[in-house]
Amino acid sequence: MHVLGKRKGKTAKTVNPLCLVLAPTRELADQIWDVLRDAGEPCGVKTICLYGGTSKGPQISSLKSGIDIVIATPGRLKDLMEMNVCHLTEVSFVVLDEADRMLDMGFRQEVRLILSNTCSARQMIMFSATWPLDVHTLAEEYMDPNPVKVVVGSEDTAANHDVLQIVEVLDDHLRDNRLNALLEKYHKAQRY
């Protein structure tokens, strides 16, 4: 809706994107792109997913042809900005998905650089499973002074680092028996 509202009444094709979604991993970026592409195509909204580990050539060509929404990982987007092929000056709607994870993965400088290159009068949405000081500081620095904050659960909730995860590699024919044994051991209500 944001793109359609901004493009309304304009006939010239604008090359620079209006919306940006940042995600910490290529897998998440790809999932977001699938949804936005399917929703946007019928309305003429052009999207692109930018992440590392693939050739930059096709990504650069798509950017030069005009894109409305960029879904990207911070590292690849920073690279394309430094190559002067992705300009964010018209981006007026930003989504940071899994902001805490992005910062945990070491993308703090990239995220700050990217946000500082977007339109100063932007709308911004942040999604974060936890709300550590880094995320709070980022929100204070780049969001509206009076943001709406929606908290599900407790605000001081953090991932439990005391959970022990065990991986067992089994042949296919042994999996059902092993699952039944684990269920009997940890859930004694009934046999599965």
C-alpha atoms as a PDB file:
ATOM      1  CA  MET A   1       0.000   0.000   0.000  1.00  0.00           C
ATOM      2  CA  HIS A   2       2.875   2.332   0.805  1.00  0.00           C
ATOM      3  CA  VAL A   3       4.382   1.857  -2.665  1.00  0.00           C
ATOM      4  CA  LEU A   4       1.056   2.288  -4.439  1.00  0.00           C
ATOM      5  CA  GLY A   5       0.342   5.482  -2.503  1.00  0.00           C
ATOM      6  CA  LYS A   6       3.767   6.930  -3.283  1.00  0.00           C
ATOM      7  CA  ARG A   7       3.584   5.992  -6.969  1.00  0.00           C
ATOM      8  CA  LYS A   8       0.012   7.285  -7.453  1.00  0.00           C
ATOM      9  CA  GLY A   9      -0.171   9.921 -10.179  1.00  0.00           C
ATOM     10  CA  LYS A  10       3.437   9.429 -11.272  1.00  0.00           C
ATOM     11  CA  THR A  11       4.026   8.175 -14.784  1.00  0.00           C
ATOM     12  CA  ALA A  12       7.815   8.097 -14.906  1.00  0.00           C
ATOM     13  CA  LYS A  13       9.463   4.904 -13.782  1.00  0.00           C
ATOM     14  CA  THR A  14      11.514   5.535 -10.673  1.00  0.00           C
ATOM     15  CA  VAL A  15      14.644   3.433 -10.339  1.00  0.00           C
ATOM     16  CA  ASN A  16      15.194   3.887  -6.613  1.00  0.00           C
ATOM     17  CA  PRO A  17      13.264   1.740  -4.115  1.00  0.00           C
ATOM     18  CA  LEU A  18      10.632   3.130  -1.753  1.00  0.00           C
ATOM     19  CA  CYS A  19      10.586   0.297   0.781  1.00  0.00           C
ATOM     20  CA  LEU A  20      13.319  -1.730   2.428  1.00  0.00           C
ATOM     21  CA  VAL A  21      13.129  -4.933   4.446  1.00  0.00           C
ATOM     22  CA  LEU A  22      16.333  -6.030   6.202  1.00  0.00           C
ATOM     23  CA  ALA A  23      16.704  -9.612   7.407  1.00  0.00           C
ATOM     24  CA  PRO A  24      19.707 -11.296   9.036  1.00  0.00           C
ATOM     25  CA  THR A  25      19.864 -14.368   6.785  1.00  0.00           C
ATOM     26  CA  ARG A  26      19.322 -15.207   3.142  1.00  0.00           C
ATOM     27  CA  GLU A  27      16.759 -17.851   4.118  1.00  0.00           C
ATOM     28  CA  LEU A  28      14.579 -15.350   5.963  1.00  0.00           C
ATOM     29  CA  ALA A  29      15.063 -12.737   3.234  1.00  0.00           C
ATOM     30  CA  ASP A  30      13.973 -15.304   0.642  1.00  0.00           C
ATOM     31  CA  GLN A  31      10.834 -16.208   2.643  1.00  0.00           C
ATOM     32  CA  ILE A  32       9.875 -12.544   2.950  1.00  0.00           C
ATOM     33  CA  TRP A  33      10.525 -12.009  -0.757  1.00  0.00           C
ATOM     34  CA  ASP A  34       8.243 -14.930  -1.702  1.00  0.00           C
ATOM     35  CA  VAL A  35       5.346 -13.325   0.168  1.00  0.00           C
ATOM     36  CA  LEU A  36       5.952  -9.746  -1.004  1.00  0.00           C
ATOM     37  CA  ARG A  37       6.529 -10.815  -4.610  1.00  0.00           C
ATOM     38  CA  ASP A  38       3.255 -12.762  -4.704  1.00  0.00           C
ATOM     39  CA  ALA A  39       1.347  -9.882  -3.107  1.00  0.00           C
ATOM     40  CA  GLY A  40       2.965  -7.152  -5.195  1.00  0.00           C
ATOM     41  CA  GLU A  41       3.087  -8.605  -8.711  1.00  0.00           C
ATOM     42  CA  PRO A  42      -0.658  -8.285  -9.404  1.00  0.00           C
ATOM     43  CA  CYS A  43      -0.410  -4.571  -8.498  1.00  0.00           C
ATOM     44  CA  GLY A  44       2.721  -3.935 -10.546  1.00  0.00           C
ATOM     45  CA  VAL A  45       4.961  -3.648  -7.488  1.00  0.00           C
ATOM     46  CA  LYS A  46       8.488  -4.829  -8.301  1.00  0.00           C
ATOM     47  CA  THR A  47      10.526  -6.555  -5.606  1.00  0.00           C
ATOM     48  CA  ILE A  48      14.045  -7.924  -5.372  1.00  0.00           C
ATOM     49  CA  CYS A  49      15.858 -10.087  -2.845  1.00  0.00           C
ATOM     50  CA  LEU A  50      19.533  -9.238  -2.307  1.00  0.00           C
ATOM     51  CA  TYR A  51      21.886 -11.539  -0.410  1.00  0.00           C
ATOM     52  CA  GLY A  52      25.457 -12.729  -0.622  1.00  0.00           C
ATOM     53  CA  GLY A  53      26.734 -16.026  -1.945  1.00  0.00           C
ATOM     54  CA  THR A  54      25.311 -15.388  -5.409  1.00  0.00           C
ATOM     55  CA  SER A  55      26.393 -13.349  -8.410  1.00  0.00           C
ATOM     56  CA  LYS A  56      25.853  -9.608  -8.103  1.00  0.00           C
ATOM     57  CA  GLY A  57      25.284  -9.211 -11.863  1.00  0.00           C
ATOM     58  CA  PRO A  58      21.580 -10.147 -12.016  1.00  0.00           C
ATOM     59  CA  GLN A  59      20.908  -8.191  -8.809  1.00  0.00           C
ATOM     60  CA  ILE A  60      22.559  -5.080 -10.273  1.00  0.00           C
ATOM     61  CA  SER A  61      20.573  -5.414 -13.525  1.00  0.00           C
ATOM     62  CA  SER A  62      17.300  -5.682 -11.620  1.00  0.00           C
ATOM     63  CA  LEU A  63      18.145  -2.672  -9.472  1.00  0.00           C
ATOM     64  CA  LYS A  64      18.954  -0.592 -12.555  1.00  0.00           C
ATOM     65  CA  SER A  65      15.640  -1.532 -14.183  1.00  0.00           C
ATOM     66  CA  GLY A  66      13.668  -0.121 -11.252  1.00  0.00           C
ATOM     67  CA  ILE A  67      12.576  -1.755  -8.023  1.00  0.00           C
ATOM     68  CA  ASP A  68       9.895  -0.705  -5.537  1.00  0.00           C
ATOM     69  CA  ILE A  69      10.763  -2.957  -2.593  1.00  0.00           C
ATOM     70  CA  VAL A  70      14.194  -4.278  -1.634  1.00  0.00           C
ATOM     71  CA  ILE A  71      14.439  -7.266   0.695  1.00  0.00           C
ATOM     72  CA  ALA A  72      18.074  -7.742   1.692  1.00  0.00           C
ATOM     73  CA  THR A  73      20.681  -8.952   4.086  1.00  0.00           C
ATOM     74  CA  PRO A  74      22.804  -6.108   5.462  1.00  0.00           C
ATOM     75  CA  GLY A  75      26.139  -7.278   4.056  1.00  0.00           C
ATOM     76  CA  ARG A  76      25.060  -7.575   0.425  1.00  0.00           C
ATOM     77  CA  LEU A  77      23.044  -4.364   0.544  1.00  0.00           C
ATOM     78  CA  LYS A  78      26.060  -2.490   1.919  1.00  0.00           C
ATOM     79  CA  ASP A  79      28.202  -3.909  -0.917  1.00  0.00           C
ATOM     80  CA  LEU A  80      25.725  -2.742  -3.570  1.00  0.00           C
ATOM     81  CA  MET A  81      25.450   0.684  -1.948  1.00  0.00           C
ATOM     82  CA  GLU A  82      29.241   1.021  -1.993  1.00  0.00           C
ATOM     83  CA  MET A  83      29.226   0.038  -5.688  1.00  0.00           C
ATOM     84  CA  ASN A  84      26.799   2.942  -6.209  1.00  0.00           C
ATOM     85  CA  VAL A  85      24.097   0.721  -7.745  1.00  0.00           C
ATOM     86  CA  CYS A  86      21.572   0.786  -4.895  1.00  0.00           C
ATOM     87  CA  HIS A  87      20.387   4.171  -3.673  1.00  0.00           C
ATOM     88  CA  LEU A  88      18.136   4.350  -0.613  1.00  0.00           C
ATOM     89  CA  THR A  89      17.433   8.098  -0.553  1.00  0.00           C
ATOM     90  CA  GLU A  90      13.776   7.563  -1.503  1.00  0.00           C
ATOM     91  CA  VAL A  91      13.173   4.709   0.951  1.00  0.00           C
ATOM     92  CA  SER A  92      10.437   5.976   3.251  1.00  0.00           C
ATOM     93  CA  PHE A  93       9.310   2.653   4.752  1.00  0.00           C
ATOM     94  CA  VAL A  94      11.772   0.344   6.526  1.00  0.00           C
ATOM     95  CA  VAL A  95      11.286  -3.023   8.205  1.00  0.00           C
ATOM     96  CA  LEU A  96      13.978  -4.599  10.366  1.00  0.00           C
ATOM     97  CA  ASP A  97      13.079  -8.244  10.857  1.00  0.00           C
ATOM     98  CA  GLU A  98      14.810 -10.126  13.671  1.00  0.00           C
ATOM     99  CA  ALA A  99      16.659  -6.948  14.655  1.00  0.00           C
ATOM    100  CA  ASP A 100      18.206  -8.620  17.712  1.00  0.00           C
ATOM    101  CA  ARG A 101      19.622 -11.436  15.608  1.00  0.00           C
ATOM    102  CA  MET A 102      21.005  -9.004  13.022  1.00  0.00           C
ATOM    103  CA  LEU A 103      22.909  -7.176  15.733  1.00  0.00           C
ATOM    104  CA  ASP A 104      24.040 -10.441  17.379  1.00  0.00           C
ATOM    105  CA  MET A 105      25.460 -11.536  14.015  1.00  0.00           C
ATOM    106  CA  GLY A 106      27.662  -8.449  13.900  1.00  0.00           C
ATOM    107  CA  PHE A 107      25.714  -6.304  11.418  1.00  0.00           C
ATOM    108  CA  ARG A 108      25.518  -3.263  13.727  1.00  0.00           C
ATOM    109  CA  GLN A 109      27.643  -0.971  11.516  1.00  0.00           C
ATOM    110  CA  GLU A 110      25.959  -2.124   8.304  1.00  0.00           C
ATOM    111  CA  VAL A 111      22.473  -1.536   9.724  1.00  0.00           C
ATOM    112  CA  ARG A 112      23.419   1.946  10.917  1.00  0.00           C
ATOM    113  CA  LEU A 113      24.975   2.825   7.542  1.00  0.00           C
ATOM    114  CA  ILE A 114      21.925   1.546   5.670  1.00  0.00           C
ATOM    115  CA  LEU A 115      19.426   3.384   7.881  1.00  0.00           C
ATOM    116  CA  SER A 116      21.393   6.624   7.674  1.00  0.00           C
ATOM    117  CA  ASN A 117      21.063   6.491   3.869  1.00  0.00           C
ATOM    118  CA  THR A 118      17.255   6.215   3.885  1.00  0.00           C
ATOM    119  CA  CYS A 119      14.831   9.140   3.857  1.00  0.00           C
ATOM    120  CA  SER A 120      14.833  10.900   7.232  1.00  0.00           C
ATOM    121  CA  ALA A 121      11.010  11.118   7.166  1.00  0.00           C
ATOM    122  CA  ARG A 122      10.574   7.352   7.094  1.00  0.00           C
ATOM    123  CA  GLN A 123       8.179   4.972   8.762  1.00  0.00           C
ATOM    124  CA  MET A 124       9.990   2.141  10.475  1.00  0.00           C
ATOM    125  CA  ILE A 125       8.949  -1.193  11.917  1.00  0.00           C
ATOM    126  CA  MET A 126      11.233  -3.403  13.993  1.00  0.00           C
ATOM    127  CA  PHE A 127      10.577  -7.017  14.882  1.00  0.00           C
ATOM    128  CA  SER A 128      12.690  -8.544  17.621  1.00  0.00           C
ATOM    129  CA  ALA A 129      12.266 -11.675  19.721  1.00  0.00           C
ATOM    130  CA  THR A 130      14.206 -10.006  22.513  1.00  0.00           C
ATOM    131  CA  TRP A 131      14.725  -6.365  23.413  1.00  0.00           C
ATOM    132  CA  PRO A 132      18.368  -6.043  24.502  1.00  0.00           C
ATOM    133  CA  LEU A 133      20.086  -2.701  24.975  1.00  0.00           C
ATOM    134  CA  ASP A 134      21.489  -2.751  21.408  1.00  0.00           C
ATOM    135  CA  VAL A 135      18.012  -3.048  19.895  1.00  0.00           C
ATOM    136  CA  HIS A 136      16.629  -0.415  22.266  1.00  0.00           C
ATOM    137  CA  THR A 137      19.443   1.990  21.329  1.00  0.00           C
ATOM    138  CA  LEU A 138      18.895   1.372  17.618  1.00  0.00           C
ATOM    139  CA  ALA A 139      15.179   2.080  18.025  1.00  0.00           C
ATOM    140  CA  GLU A 140      15.851   5.306  19.926  1.00  0.00           C
ATOM    141  CA  GLU A 141      18.330   6.465  17.300  1.00  0.00           C
ATOM    142  CA  TYR A 142      16.378   5.721  14.121  1.00  0.00           C
ATOM    143  CA  MET A 143      12.694   5.553  15.008  1.00  0.00           C
ATOM    144  CA  ASP A 144      10.104   8.216  15.736  1.00  0.00           C
ATOM    145  CA  PRO A 145      10.578   9.732  19.210  1.00  0.00           C
ATOM    146  CA  ASN A 146       7.242   8.244  20.319  1.00  0.00           C
ATOM    147  CA  PRO A 147       7.071   4.815  18.702  1.00  0.00           C
ATOM    148  CA  VAL A 148       4.243   2.382  19.285  1.00  0.00           C
ATOM    149  CA  LYS A 149       5.665  -0.665  21.017  1.00  0.00           C
ATOM    150  CA  VAL A 150       3.819  -3.976  20.997  1.00  0.00           C
ATOM    151  CA  VAL A 151       5.141  -6.577  23.422  1.00  0.00           C
ATOM    152  CA  VAL A 152       4.013 -10.193  23.395  1.00  0.00           C
ATOM    153  CA  GLY A 153       4.908 -11.895  26.648  1.00  0.00           C
ATOM    154  CA  SER A 154       7.382 -10.332  29.035  1.00  0.00           C
ATOM    155  CA  GLU A 155       9.682  -7.567  27.859  1.00  0.00           C
ATOM    156  CA  ASP A 156      12.629  -9.061  29.724  1.00  0.00           C
ATOM    157  CA  THR A 157      12.150 -12.440  28.075  1.00  0.00           C
ATOM    158  CA  ALA A 158      15.340 -13.768  26.579  1.00  0.00           C
ATOM    159  CA  ALA A 159      16.320 -17.007  24.947  1.00  0.00           C
ATOM    160  CA  ASN A 160      17.159 -19.715  27.463  1.00  0.00           C
ATOM    161  CA  HIS A 161      20.852 -20.480  27.027  1.00  0.00           C
ATOM    162  CA  ASP A 162      20.668 -23.395  29.483  1.00  0.00           C
ATOM    163  CA  VAL A 163      18.791 -25.641  27.044  1.00  0.00           C
ATOM    164  CA  LEU A 164      20.821 -28.662  25.987  1.00  0.00           C
ATOM    165  CA  GLN A 165      20.211 -29.751  22.417  1.00  0.00           C
ATOM    166  CA  ILE A 166      21.203 -33.240  21.335  1.00  0.00           C
ATOM    167  CA  VAL A 167      21.287 -34.332  17.716  1.00  0.00           C
ATOM    168  CA  GLU A 168      21.023 -38.008  16.894  1.00  0.00           C
ATOM    169  CA  VAL A 169      21.749 -39.208  13.383  1.00  0.00           C
ATOM    170  CA  LEU A 170      19.780 -42.374  12.698  1.00  0.00           C
ATOM    171  CA  ASP A 171      18.979 -44.622   9.783  1.00  0.00           C
ATOM    172  CA  ASP A 172      15.451 -44.102   8.486  1.00  0.00           C
ATOM    173  CA  HIS A 173      14.258 -47.503   9.759  1.00  0.00           C
ATOM    174  CA  LEU A 174      15.329 -46.664  13.351  1.00  0.00           C
ATOM    175  CA  ARG A 175      13.645 -43.268  13.661  1.00  0.00           C
ATOM    176  CA  ASP A 176      10.152 -44.379  14.672  1.00  0.00           C
ATOM    177  CA  ASN A 177      11.447 -46.666  17.431  1.00  0.00           C
ATOM    178  CA  ARG A 178      13.766 -43.942  18.760  1.00  0.00           C
ATOM    179  CA  LEU A 179      10.947 -41.381  18.733  1.00  0.00           C
ATOM    180  CA  ASN A 180       8.702 -43.782  20.659  1.00  0.00           C
ATOM    181  CA  ALA A 181      11.469 -44.403  23.210  1.00  0.00           C
ATOM    182  CA  LEU A 182      11.980 -40.664  23.757  1.00  0.00           C
ATOM    183  CA  LEU A 183       8.252 -40.046  24.077  1.00  0.00           C
ATOM    184  CA  GLU A 184       7.915 -42.867  26.611  1.00  0.00           C
ATOM    185  CA  LYS A 185      10.835 -41.469  28.599  1.00  0.00           C
ATOM    186  CA  TYR A 186       9.758 -37.814  28.655  1.00  0.00           C
ATOM    187  CA  HIS A 187       5.981 -37.991  28.256  1.00  0.00           C
ATOM    188  CA  LYS A 188       4.569 -40.877  30.254  1.00  0.00           C
ATOM    189  CA  ALA A 189       0.874 -40.166  29.633  1.00  0.00           C
ATOM    190  CA  GLN A 190       0.370 -42.630  26.798  1.00  0.00           C
ATOM    191  CA  ARG A 191       2.119 -44.841  24.256  1.00  0.00           C
ATOM    192  CA  TYR A 192       2.529 -43.388  20.771  1.00  0.00           C
END
